[in-house]
Amino acid sequence: MEHDSINRREFLDVAGKYAVRGLAAAGIAESLQQNSALARQAPTEQTASLVSNISRFVVNTRYDAIPLKALETAKTAILDSLGVAVAGGTEESAQITGKLVREERAKEETTIYGQHFKSSASEAAFVNGTATHAHDFDHSFVVGGQPTSPIIPAVFALGEALSVSGKQILEAYIAGFEVAASLIFAVQDAGGGGWHANGTIGSFGASAACAKLLGLKQTEIEMALGITASMASGISSNFGTMTKPLHVGLAARNGVLAARLAKAGFTANPQTLDARNGFFDSFYHGGKPNAAPLENLGHIYALEKYGVRFKPYPCGGLSHTAIYATIRLRNEHEITPEVVEHIDVEVPRDTAAPLAFRVPRTGLEGKFSMPYLIARALIDGKLMLDTFTDEAVRHKEVLQLLEKVDMKVDPNLQSGSDGSRPATVTIRLKNGQTRMLHEKFPKGSPQVPMTRDELQEKFRACARGVIGDASCERTLAYVGRLETMGNIRRLTELLRGV
């Protein structure tokens, strides 16, 4: 029996039978409720297996059993996330959400990064999550964008309120990361291109991580995931606006709230992940998610096998391969803007789709404008936070150069399951010469990694101006030995700002 509400035709059939028997409408309603309740008690074996695999994995995740490589990657990911969140806390999107939260005067239990106040764990997760994605500088996964970005704001918000240890943070983050990664792999070929995985899948990762921090039982975790399925949201048509980072803020808050609700006894349909009209069916209509990644949870650690893709540029990750290729051509051939006749950028279709702005009007739109990104890469040889201000996108020299840049879809280029995001950049010079470079992977990926020094300098560049040099260096030291911290509050208090 499928556990969803009876559709209209089924309702009429049932109503007709009751009418023949002379029963009242109240009897129909009661019968339908009983039918729905019975359905929830009788899930299919496959559905029960998928849900129980996730919740059992979260319950059984133990720090001592996590692969060393996964733990080390997790610490680096945490440092990266905290850095971009501190920088993002000064952005307008985070300032607006912070102002609204401050006005609500919620219980002061968790630090709002860079904004000099505390709020409740759920509201702190909301503001800090929005800040984490405000610059689009947060690391991504091998596929699916940044679905793990809500997890760190959620576990640090709830963890600070609970005064947990560094080991507990690592344990919870890794549990949530692995859940999010398995869901991304499950749906990567199922369509759903309009949904933003950071907000949809990210909500499940944050919920699983917070459930781990709260020590929920397996049945309670199933409820938390069922609650999360009705919270998950985020549409890609809002890219290039403040609502894109809002997706991460909402997902982080969803994680804290869903786990707390489940702990308090709140109920949901625990099979709603892949039930008819459930999450998979509703968000990936017409596709067929692959159950295998969910069944392999705990056997293969995505953090160990795939790692994360750190961002050297604060903009959409799909553009990073082309940016990296442009910077290489610029530096290796000493190309300056005045000698350029034209630039062609060839990318896969899925790379081109979200890069919707030919000439950006705002800094946020600049993050999704290939002509602007390539022009800036050629002029500056780098892209940093100040590349994406409203003033920067109106720079005369940049506007002149971006008119010479064309992005084209090459049907022969395909993004790969190994995380490859190929791009070919061809620069035609005014003297008739041509310089071309094809790259498969962007800088910051495991195949072209950022060094430890580069990642620490990125953190300093993000955090120094907000929390000061001393707090910046102490944060680096604390995260480096996170597993030894008995209480993370010594770390989170450094992130409040000066």
Protein backbone atom coordinates (compact mmCIF):
# COMPACT_ATOMS: atom_id res chain seq x y z
CA MET A 1 0.00 0.00 0.00
CA GLU A 2 1.37 3.43 -0.95
CA HIS A 3 1.45 5.92 1.88
CA ASP A 4 0.09 9.14 0.43
CA SER A 5 -3.24 10.88 0.37
CA ILE A 6 -5.90 9.34 -1.85
CA ASN A 7 -6.29 11.21 -5.12
CA ARG A 8 -9.53 12.76 -6.35
CA ARG A 9 -10.65 9.79 -8.44
CA GLU A 10 -9.98 7.37 -5.60
CA PHE A 11 -11.87 9.70 -3.26
CA LEU A 12 -14.92 9.70 -5.52
CA ASP A 13 -14.83 5.93 -5.76
CA VAL A 14 -14.68 5.60 -2.00
CA ALA A 15 -17.37 8.24 -1.52
CA GLY A 16 -19.64 6.39 -3.94
CA LYS A 17 -19.26 3.16 -2.03
CA TYR A 18 -20.07 4.92 1.23
CA ALA A 19 -23.08 6.60 -0.34
CA VAL A 20 -24.41 3.22 -1.43
CA ARG A 21 -23.99 2.02 2.12
CA GLY A 22 -25.70 5.14 3.47
CA LEU A 23 -22.77 6.40 5.51
CA ALA A 24 -22.27 10.05 6.35
CA ALA A 25 -19.48 12.30 5.06
CA ALA A 26 -17.87 12.14 8.47
CA GLY A 27 -17.44 8.44 7.94
CA ILE A 28 -15.61 9.09 4.71
CA ALA A 29 -13.18 11.46 6.39
CA GLU A 30 -12.56 9.01 9.21
CA SER A 31 -11.92 6.21 6.73
CA LEU A 32 -9.49 8.30 4.72
CA GLN A 33 -7.57 9.20 7.87
CA GLN A 34 -7.39 5.55 8.86
CA ASN A 35 -6.25 4.65 5.34
CA SER A 36 -3.47 7.25 5.49
CA ALA A 37 -2.37 6.13 8.95
CA LEU A 38 -2.33 2.50 7.87
CA ALA A 39 -0.25 3.40 4.84
CA ARG A 40 2.33 5.12 7.00
CA GLN A 41 2.61 2.01 9.10
CA ALA A 42 3.30 -0.17 6.08
CA PRO A 43 6.18 1.30 4.05
CA THR A 44 7.78 -0.69 1.30
CA GLU A 45 10.96 -2.59 2.08
CA GLN A 46 13.04 -0.36 -0.17
CA THR A 47 11.73 2.85 1.43
CA ALA A 48 12.28 1.54 4.92
CA SER A 49 15.78 0.46 3.97
CA LEU A 50 16.79 3.88 2.58
CA VAL A 51 15.50 5.80 5.58
CA SER A 52 16.87 3.37 8.11
CA ASN A 53 20.27 3.36 6.36
CA ILE A 54 20.55 7.12 6.77
CA SER A 55 19.41 7.23 10.39
CA ARG A 56 21.44 4.17 11.35
CA PHE A 57 24.55 5.68 9.79
CA VAL A 58 24.09 8.92 11.73
CA VAL A 59 23.55 7.07 15.02
CA ASN A 60 26.60 4.86 14.47
CA THR A 61 29.02 7.55 13.29
CA ARG A 62 31.89 7.66 15.77
CA TYR A 63 34.92 9.92 15.73
CA ASP A 64 37.34 7.05 16.32
CA ALA A 65 36.02 5.13 13.31
CA ILE A 66 36.21 8.02 10.81
CA PRO A 67 39.10 7.77 8.30
CA LEU A 68 41.99 10.11 9.12
CA LYS A 69 41.88 11.73 5.68
CA ALA A 70 38.19 12.55 6.16
CA LEU A 71 38.94 14.15 9.53
CA GLU A 72 41.75 16.29 8.13
CA THR A 73 39.63 17.41 5.16
CA ALA A 74 36.80 18.21 7.56
CA LYS A 75 39.02 20.52 9.63
CA THR A 76 40.17 22.35 6.52
CA ALA A 77 36.57 22.64 5.33
CA ILE A 78 35.55 24.05 8.71
CA LEU A 79 38.30 26.67 8.60
CA ASP A 80 37.30 27.66 5.08
CA SER A 81 33.63 27.91 6.01
CA LEU A 82 34.23 29.99 9.13
CA GLY A 83 36.45 32.38 7.17
CA VAL A 84 33.94 33.06 4.41
CA ALA A 85 31.13 33.32 7.00
CA VAL A 86 33.01 36.02 8.92
CA ALA A 87 33.62 37.94 5.69
CA GLY A 88 30.04 37.36 4.59
CA GLY A 89 28.73 38.75 7.87
CA THR A 90 29.50 42.25 6.62
CA GLU A 91 27.57 41.77 3.37
CA GLU A 92 24.16 43.39 2.96
CA SER A 93 22.27 40.08 2.86
CA ALA A 94 23.74 38.99 6.20
CA GLN A 95 23.35 42.49 7.67
CA ILE A 96 19.65 42.56 6.82
CA THR A 97 18.98 39.11 8.25
CA GLY A 98 21.10 39.99 11.28
CA LYS A 99 19.16 43.19 11.91
CA LEU A 100 15.84 41.34 11.82
CA VAL A 101 17.11 38.64 14.17
CA ARG A 102 18.56 41.22 16.58
CA GLU A 103 15.17 42.96 16.73
CA GLU A 104 13.50 39.69 17.76
CA ARG A 105 15.65 39.53 20.92
CA ALA A 106 15.80 35.75 21.00
CA LYS A 107 17.65 33.83 23.69
CA GLU A 108 21.35 34.75 23.57
CA GLU A 109 23.12 31.41 23.20
CA THR A 110 25.07 31.53 19.94
CA THR A 111 27.44 33.99 18.24
CA ILE A 112 26.46 35.90 15.11
CA TYR A 113 29.73 36.16 13.20
CA GLY A 114 31.09 39.64 12.64
CA GLN A 115 27.99 41.36 14.04
CA HIS A 116 28.79 41.71 17.74
CA PHE A 117 25.75 39.98 19.21
CA LYS A 118 24.27 36.60 20.08
CA SER A 119 20.93 34.98 19.35
CA SER A 120 19.23 31.60 19.57
CA ALA A 121 20.84 28.62 17.86
CA SER A 122 18.25 28.48 15.08
CA GLU A 123 18.46 32.22 14.36
CA ALA A 124 22.26 32.19 14.50
CA ALA A 125 22.30 29.30 12.03
CA PHE A 126 20.03 31.38 9.79
CA VAL A 127 22.20 34.50 9.80
CA ASN A 128 25.56 32.70 9.77
CA GLY A 129 24.34 30.37 7.02
CA THR A 130 23.33 33.33 4.88
CA ALA A 131 26.72 34.92 5.59
CA THR A 132 28.55 31.71 4.63
CA HIS A 133 27.14 31.88 1.10
CA ALA A 134 26.93 35.68 0.78
CA HIS A 135 30.14 35.94 -1.26
CA ASP A 136 29.74 32.57 -3.04
CA PHE A 137 33.23 31.89 -1.66
CA ASP A 138 32.29 28.73 0.23
CA HIS A 139 33.74 25.41 -0.91
CA SER A 140 31.75 23.06 -3.11
CA PHE A 141 31.40 19.32 -3.57
CA VAL A 142 32.45 17.25 -6.56
CA VAL A 143 28.89 17.59 -7.93
CA GLY A 144 25.81 19.49 -6.87
CA GLY A 145 27.19 22.89 -5.96
CA GLN A 146 27.60 23.54 -2.23
CA PRO A 147 25.02 21.29 -0.54
CA THR A 148 27.28 20.92 2.49
CA SER A 149 27.52 24.67 3.15
CA PRO A 150 24.55 24.80 5.57
CA ILE A 151 26.01 22.04 7.76
CA ILE A 152 28.88 23.96 9.38
CA PRO A 153 26.77 27.02 10.31
CA ALA A 154 24.15 24.68 11.75
CA VAL A 155 26.48 22.50 13.84
CA PHE A 156 28.47 25.45 15.15
CA ALA A 157 25.29 27.34 16.10
CA LEU A 158 23.77 24.37 17.90
CA GLY A 159 27.15 23.19 19.18
CA GLU A 160 27.91 26.53 20.82
CA ALA A 161 24.52 26.49 22.54
CA LEU A 162 25.20 22.96 23.81
CA SER A 163 28.86 23.67 24.73
CA VAL A 164 30.03 20.63 22.77
CA SER A 165 33.61 19.51 22.15
CA GLY A 166 35.62 19.77 18.96
CA LYS A 167 35.35 16.02 18.45
CA GLN A 168 31.57 16.25 18.60
CA ILE A 169 31.61 19.01 15.98
CA LEU A 170 33.76 16.92 13.65
CA GLU A 171 31.60 13.86 14.22
CA ALA A 172 28.38 15.74 13.49
CA TYR A 173 29.75 17.65 10.49
CA ILE A 174 31.07 14.49 8.86
CA ALA A 175 27.79 12.63 9.48
CA GLY A 176 25.86 15.47 7.84
CA PHE A 177 28.34 15.80 4.98
CA GLU A 178 28.10 12.12 4.13
CA VAL A 179 24.30 12.21 4.16
CA ALA A 180 24.26 15.24 1.87
CA ALA A 181 26.85 13.68 -0.46
CA SER A 182 24.88 10.43 -0.73
CA LEU A 183 21.69 12.33 -1.57
CA ILE A 184 23.49 14.40 -4.21
CA PHE A 185 24.81 11.26 -5.86
CA ALA A 186 21.34 9.70 -5.63
CA VAL A 187 19.68 12.53 -7.55
CA GLN A 188 22.44 13.79 -9.84
CA ASP A 189 20.91 12.09 -12.92
CA ALA A 190 17.28 12.57 -11.87
CA GLY A 191 16.70 16.06 -13.27
CA GLY A 192 15.45 18.76 -10.92
CA GLY A 193 17.65 21.39 -12.55
CA GLY A 194 15.64 24.30 -11.15
CA TRP A 195 16.24 23.37 -7.52
CA HIS A 196 19.25 24.75 -5.67
CA ALA A 197 20.92 21.83 -3.93
CA ASN A 198 22.37 24.12 -1.25
CA GLY A 199 18.86 24.73 0.04
CA THR A 200 17.24 21.38 -0.74
CA ILE A 201 19.85 18.67 -0.14
CA GLY A 202 21.68 20.99 2.23
CA SER A 203 18.71 20.97 4.59
CA PHE A 204 18.99 17.20 4.98
CA GLY A 205 22.73 17.38 5.66
CA ALA A 206 22.21 20.05 8.32
CA SER A 207 19.34 18.11 9.88
CA ALA A 208 21.37 14.89 10.08
CA ALA A 209 24.33 16.75 11.60
CA CYS A 210 22.19 18.48 14.23
CA ALA A 211 20.46 15.21 15.03
CA LYS A 212 23.89 13.73 15.73
CA LEU A 213 24.81 16.63 18.03
CA LEU A 214 21.57 16.19 19.96
CA GLY A 215 22.12 12.44 20.28
CA LEU A 216 18.79 11.54 18.69
CA LYS A 217 17.69 7.93 18.49
CA GLN A 218 17.27 6.27 15.10
CA THR A 219 13.49 6.72 15.08
CA GLU A 220 13.86 10.38 16.04
CA ILE A 221 16.32 10.96 13.20
CA GLU A 222 13.80 9.49 10.79
CA MET A 223 11.26 11.99 12.06
CA ALA A 224 13.78 14.83 11.71
CA LEU A 225 14.38 13.89 8.08
CA GLY A 226 10.64 13.68 7.47
CA ILE A 227 10.21 17.18 8.91
CA THR A 228 13.11 18.42 6.79
CA ALA A 229 11.49 17.16 3.59
CA SER A 230 8.74 19.73 4.05
CA MET A 231 11.23 22.51 4.80
CA ALA A 232 13.69 22.06 1.93
CA SER A 233 13.56 24.83 -0.67
CA GLY A 234 15.54 27.04 -3.03
CA ILE A 235 15.14 27.83 -6.75
CA SER A 236 17.96 28.70 -9.09
CA SER A 237 16.08 31.57 -10.75
CA ASN A 238 17.12 33.61 -7.71
CA PHE A 239 20.82 33.31 -8.52
CA GLY A 240 22.46 36.71 -8.71
CA THR A 241 20.33 38.09 -5.87
CA MET A 242 20.43 38.06 -2.05
CA THR A 243 18.03 35.15 -2.05
CA LYS A 244 20.72 32.75 -3.26
CA PRO A 245 22.64 32.94 0.05
CA LEU A 246 19.30 32.98 1.85
CA HIS A 247 18.87 29.38 0.66
CA VAL A 248 21.85 28.36 2.78
CA GLY A 249 20.64 30.37 5.77
CA LEU A 250 17.24 28.71 5.61
CA ALA A 251 18.79 25.25 5.20
CA ALA A 252 21.03 25.76 8.25
CA ARG A 253 18.06 26.89 10.33
CA ASN A 254 16.01 23.98 8.99
CA GLY A 255 18.63 21.58 10.32
CA VAL A 256 18.59 23.02 13.84
CA LEU A 257 14.81 23.32 13.98
CA ALA A 258 14.02 19.90 12.51
CA ALA A 259 16.37 18.12 14.91
CA ARG A 260 15.02 20.02 17.91
CA LEU A 261 11.42 19.35 16.88
CA ALA A 262 12.12 15.64 16.52
CA LYS A 263 13.78 15.55 19.93
CA ALA A 264 10.68 17.19 21.41
CA GLY A 265 8.43 14.50 19.93
CA PHE A 266 7.22 16.29 16.80
CA THR A 267 6.05 13.83 14.15
CA ALA A 268 6.37 13.48 10.39
CA ASN A 269 6.04 10.71 7.86
CA PRO A 270 9.46 9.05 8.28
CA GLN A 271 9.19 7.50 4.81
CA THR A 272 8.59 10.76 2.96
CA LEU A 273 12.02 10.80 1.33
CA ASP A 274 11.04 8.51 -1.55
CA ALA A 275 7.35 7.93 -0.96
CA ARG A 276 4.84 8.78 -3.65
CA ASN A 277 4.51 12.58 -3.54
CA GLY A 278 7.50 12.61 -1.22
CA PHE A 279 10.77 14.50 -1.62
CA PHE A 280 12.22 12.57 -4.57
CA ASP A 281 8.89 12.38 -6.36
CA SER A 282 8.09 16.06 -5.89
CA PHE A 283 11.50 17.64 -6.45
CA TYR A 284 12.75 15.28 -9.16
CA HIS A 285 9.52 14.52 -10.94
CA GLY A 286 10.08 12.26 -13.91
CA GLY A 287 13.56 11.24 -12.77
CA LYS A 288 14.64 8.10 -11.00
CA PRO A 289 16.98 8.61 -8.05
CA ASN A 290 19.66 5.98 -7.50
CA ALA A 291 19.37 4.27 -4.11
CA ALA A 292 22.89 2.78 -4.16
CA PRO A 293 24.72 5.80 -2.63
CA LEU A 294 22.31 5.80 0.32
CA GLU A 295 22.80 2.09 0.80
CA ASN A 296 26.60 2.54 0.85
CA LEU A 297 26.62 5.10 3.67
CA GLY A 298 29.37 4.26 6.11
CA HIS A 299 31.15 1.92 3.70
CA ILE A 300 32.58 4.70 1.54
CA TYR A 301 33.33 8.17 2.94
CA ALA A 302 32.82 10.88 0.35
CA LEU A 303 35.09 13.21 2.33
CA GLU A 304 37.87 10.66 1.98
CA LYS A 305 37.23 9.59 -1.62
CA TYR A 306 36.24 12.93 -3.21
CA GLY A 307 37.08 15.61 -0.68
CA VAL A 308 35.80 19.13 -1.32
CA ARG A 309 36.58 21.76 -3.90
CA PHE A 310 37.95 24.89 -2.28
CA LYS A 311 37.31 28.17 -4.03
CA PRO A 312 40.10 30.60 -4.88
CA TYR A 313 37.53 32.95 -6.45
CA PRO A 314 34.36 34.26 -4.71
CA CYS A 315 31.83 33.42 -7.43
CA GLY A 316 29.83 30.52 -8.87
CA GLY A 317 32.00 27.40 -9.06
CA LEU A 318 30.90 26.43 -12.56
CA SER A 319 32.91 29.34 -13.96
CA HIS A 320 36.14 28.54 -12.10
CA THR A 321 37.77 26.34 -14.75
CA ALA A 322 37.47 29.08 -17.36
CA ILE A 323 38.78 31.68 -14.90
CA TYR A 324 41.74 29.46 -14.02
CA ALA A 325 42.54 28.90 -17.71
CA THR A 326 42.35 32.65 -18.42
CA ILE A 327 44.71 33.51 -15.56
CA ARG A 328 47.17 30.88 -16.74
CA LEU A 329 47.12 32.24 -20.31
CA ARG A 330 47.54 35.79 -18.99
CA ASN A 331 50.52 34.94 -16.83
CA GLU A 332 52.30 32.47 -19.12
CA HIS A 333 51.99 34.64 -22.26
CA GLU A 334 52.02 38.07 -20.57
CA ILE A 335 48.73 39.04 -22.20
CA THR A 336 47.39 42.51 -21.41
CA PRO A 337 43.88 43.83 -22.22
CA GLU A 338 45.03 46.28 -24.90
CA VAL A 339 46.44 43.52 -27.15
CA VAL A 340 43.24 41.43 -27.10
CA GLU A 341 41.02 41.27 -30.17
CA HIS A 342 38.50 38.67 -28.94
CA ILE A 343 38.04 35.91 -26.34
CA ASP A 344 35.95 32.78 -26.81
CA VAL A 345 35.02 30.64 -23.80
CA GLU A 346 33.62 27.20 -24.59
CA VAL A 347 31.87 25.31 -21.79
CA PRO A 348 29.38 22.47 -21.25
CA ARG A 349 25.69 23.30 -21.31
CA ASP A 350 25.25 22.85 -17.57
CA THR A 351 28.03 25.36 -16.94
CA ALA A 352 26.50 27.99 -19.22
CA ALA A 353 22.94 27.72 -17.88
CA PRO A 354 23.28 29.68 -14.59
CA LEU A 355 25.69 32.27 -16.04
CA ALA A 356 22.79 34.40 -17.16
CA PHE A 357 24.18 37.94 -17.19
CA ARG A 358 25.92 39.30 -20.26
CA VAL A 359 26.65 42.71 -18.69
CA PRO A 360 26.16 42.72 -14.91
CA ARG A 361 24.46 45.65 -13.23
CA THR A 362 25.42 44.67 -9.67
CA GLY A 363 28.24 42.90 -7.92
CA LEU A 364 25.98 39.91 -7.30
CA GLU A 365 25.16 39.65 -11.01
CA GLY A 366 28.88 39.84 -11.72
CA LYS A 367 29.32 36.47 -10.03
CA PHE A 368 27.14 34.96 -12.76
CA SER A 369 28.50 36.80 -15.79
CA MET A 370 31.15 34.91 -17.74
CA PRO A 371 32.21 37.99 -19.77
CA TYR A 372 32.77 39.96 -16.57
CA LEU A 373 34.62 37.12 -14.84
CA ILE A 374 36.97 36.58 -17.79
CA ALA A 375 37.58 40.30 -18.24
CA ARG A 376 38.46 40.68 -14.57
CA ALA A 377 40.69 37.60 -14.64
CA LEU A 378 42.64 39.03 -17.56
CA ILE A 379 42.93 42.53 -16.12
CA ASP A 380 43.71 41.66 -12.49
CA GLY A 381 45.10 38.12 -12.65
CA LYS A 382 42.89 37.23 -9.67
CA LEU A 383 39.35 37.57 -8.37
CA MET A 384 38.82 38.57 -4.76
CA LEU A 385 36.06 39.99 -2.59
CA ASP A 386 36.41 43.53 -3.91
CA THR A 387 35.96 42.25 -7.48
CA PHE A 388 32.23 41.96 -6.83
CA THR A 389 31.08 45.35 -5.67
CA ASP A 390 28.49 47.36 -7.57
CA GLU A 391 31.21 49.91 -8.33
CA ALA A 392 33.65 47.29 -9.61
CA VAL A 393 31.30 45.92 -12.28
CA ARG A 394 30.93 49.42 -13.76
CA HIS A 395 34.67 49.94 -14.24
CA LYS A 396 35.21 51.40 -17.73
CA GLU A 397 38.17 49.20 -18.70
CA VAL A 398 36.29 46.07 -17.63
CA LEU A 399 33.15 47.04 -19.56
CA GLN A 400 35.21 47.58 -22.70
CA LEU A 401 36.94 44.22 -22.41
CA LEU A 402 33.89 42.14 -21.54
CA GLU A 403 32.30 43.20 -24.84
CA LYS A 404 35.04 41.15 -26.50
CA VAL A 405 34.17 37.98 -24.56
CA ASP A 406 31.73 35.40 -25.87
CA MET A 407 30.64 32.27 -24.00
CA LYS A 408 29.59 29.34 -26.17
CA VAL A 409 28.20 25.89 -25.41
CA ASP A 410 30.38 23.13 -26.81
CA PRO A 411 28.29 19.92 -27.09
CA ASN A 412 31.50 17.89 -26.99
CA LEU A 413 32.31 19.14 -23.50
CA GLN A 414 30.64 17.33 -20.63
CA SER A 415 30.98 17.69 -16.88
CA GLY A 416 32.10 14.38 -15.42
CA SER A 417 31.25 12.31 -12.37
CA ASP A 418 34.90 12.80 -11.33
CA GLY A 419 34.15 16.47 -10.79
CA SER A 420 35.60 17.63 -14.09
CA ARG A 421 34.15 20.89 -15.39
CA PRO A 422 35.96 21.41 -18.69
CA ALA A 423 36.43 24.76 -20.37
CA THR A 424 38.37 25.98 -23.38
CA VAL A 425 39.55 29.58 -23.48
CA THR A 426 40.80 31.01 -26.79
CA ILE A 427 42.32 34.49 -26.85
CA ARG A 428 42.79 36.06 -30.29
CA LEU A 429 45.33 38.87 -30.26
CA LYS A 430 45.34 41.97 -32.44
CA ASN A 431 48.58 40.81 -34.12
CA GLY A 432 46.77 37.75 -35.48
CA GLN A 433 48.20 35.27 -33.00
CA THR A 434 45.99 32.97 -30.94
CA ARG A 435 46.49 31.57 -27.45
CA MET A 436 44.31 28.66 -26.38
CA LEU A 437 44.11 26.53 -23.22
CA HIS A 438 41.80 23.67 -22.34
CA GLU A 439 41.38 22.75 -18.66
CA LYS A 440 39.32 19.95 -17.12
CA PHE A 441 39.46 20.93 -13.45
CA PRO A 442 39.43 24.28 -11.66
CA LYS A 443 42.01 25.50 -9.19
CA GLY A 444 41.03 24.32 -5.72
CA SER A 445 39.83 20.89 -6.80
CA PRO A 446 41.66 17.77 -5.56
CA GLN A 447 43.24 17.50 -9.02
CA VAL A 448 44.58 21.09 -8.88
CA PRO A 449 44.66 21.70 -5.13
CA MET A 450 45.18 24.92 -3.26
CA THR A 451 48.13 24.62 -0.90
CA ARG A 452 47.81 24.79 2.88
CA ASP A 453 49.41 28.23 2.80
CA GLU A 454 46.97 29.43 0.12
CA LEU A 455 44.00 28.23 2.17
CA GLN A 456 45.28 29.92 5.31
CA GLU A 457 45.87 33.15 3.40
CA LYS A 458 42.33 32.93 2.07
CA PHE A 459 41.09 32.66 5.66
CA ARG A 460 43.17 35.66 6.72
CA ALA A 461 41.95 37.71 3.76
CA CYS A 462 38.36 36.95 4.74
CA ALA A 463 38.60 37.32 8.51
CA ARG A 464 41.40 39.73 9.39
CA GLY A 465 39.48 42.90 8.67
CA VAL A 466 36.46 41.74 10.68
CA ILE A 467 37.89 40.05 13.79
CA GLY A 468 41.43 41.47 13.87
CA ASP A 469 44.85 39.89 13.47
CA ALA A 470 45.09 38.33 16.93
CA SER A 471 41.69 36.59 16.76
CA CYS A 472 42.45 35.52 13.21
CA GLU A 473 45.64 33.72 14.24
CA ARG A 474 44.05 32.19 17.34
CA THR A 475 41.20 30.85 15.19
CA LEU A 476 43.69 29.23 12.83
CA ALA A 477 45.37 27.55 15.80
CA TYR A 478 42.12 26.38 17.39
CA VAL A 479 40.76 24.82 14.20
CA GLY A 480 44.11 23.14 13.57
CA ARG A 481 43.70 21.24 16.84
CA LEU A 482 39.90 21.19 16.93
CA GLU A 483 39.75 17.58 18.11
CA THR A 484 41.48 18.58 21.36
CA MET A 485 39.01 21.32 22.34
CA GLY A 486 36.72 20.42 25.23
CA ASN A 487 34.35 23.32 24.47
CA ILE A 488 34.09 25.13 21.13
CA ARG A 489 32.95 28.40 22.73
CA ARG A 490 36.55 29.56 23.01
CA LEU A 491 36.64 29.38 19.22
CA THR A 492 33.23 30.81 18.36
CA GLU A 493 33.66 33.84 20.63
CA LEU A 494 36.62 34.89 18.50
CA LEU A 495 34.33 35.23 15.50
CA ARG A 496 32.06 37.92 16.95
CA GLY A 497 34.15 40.74 15.54
CA VAL A 498 36.06 43.71 16.92
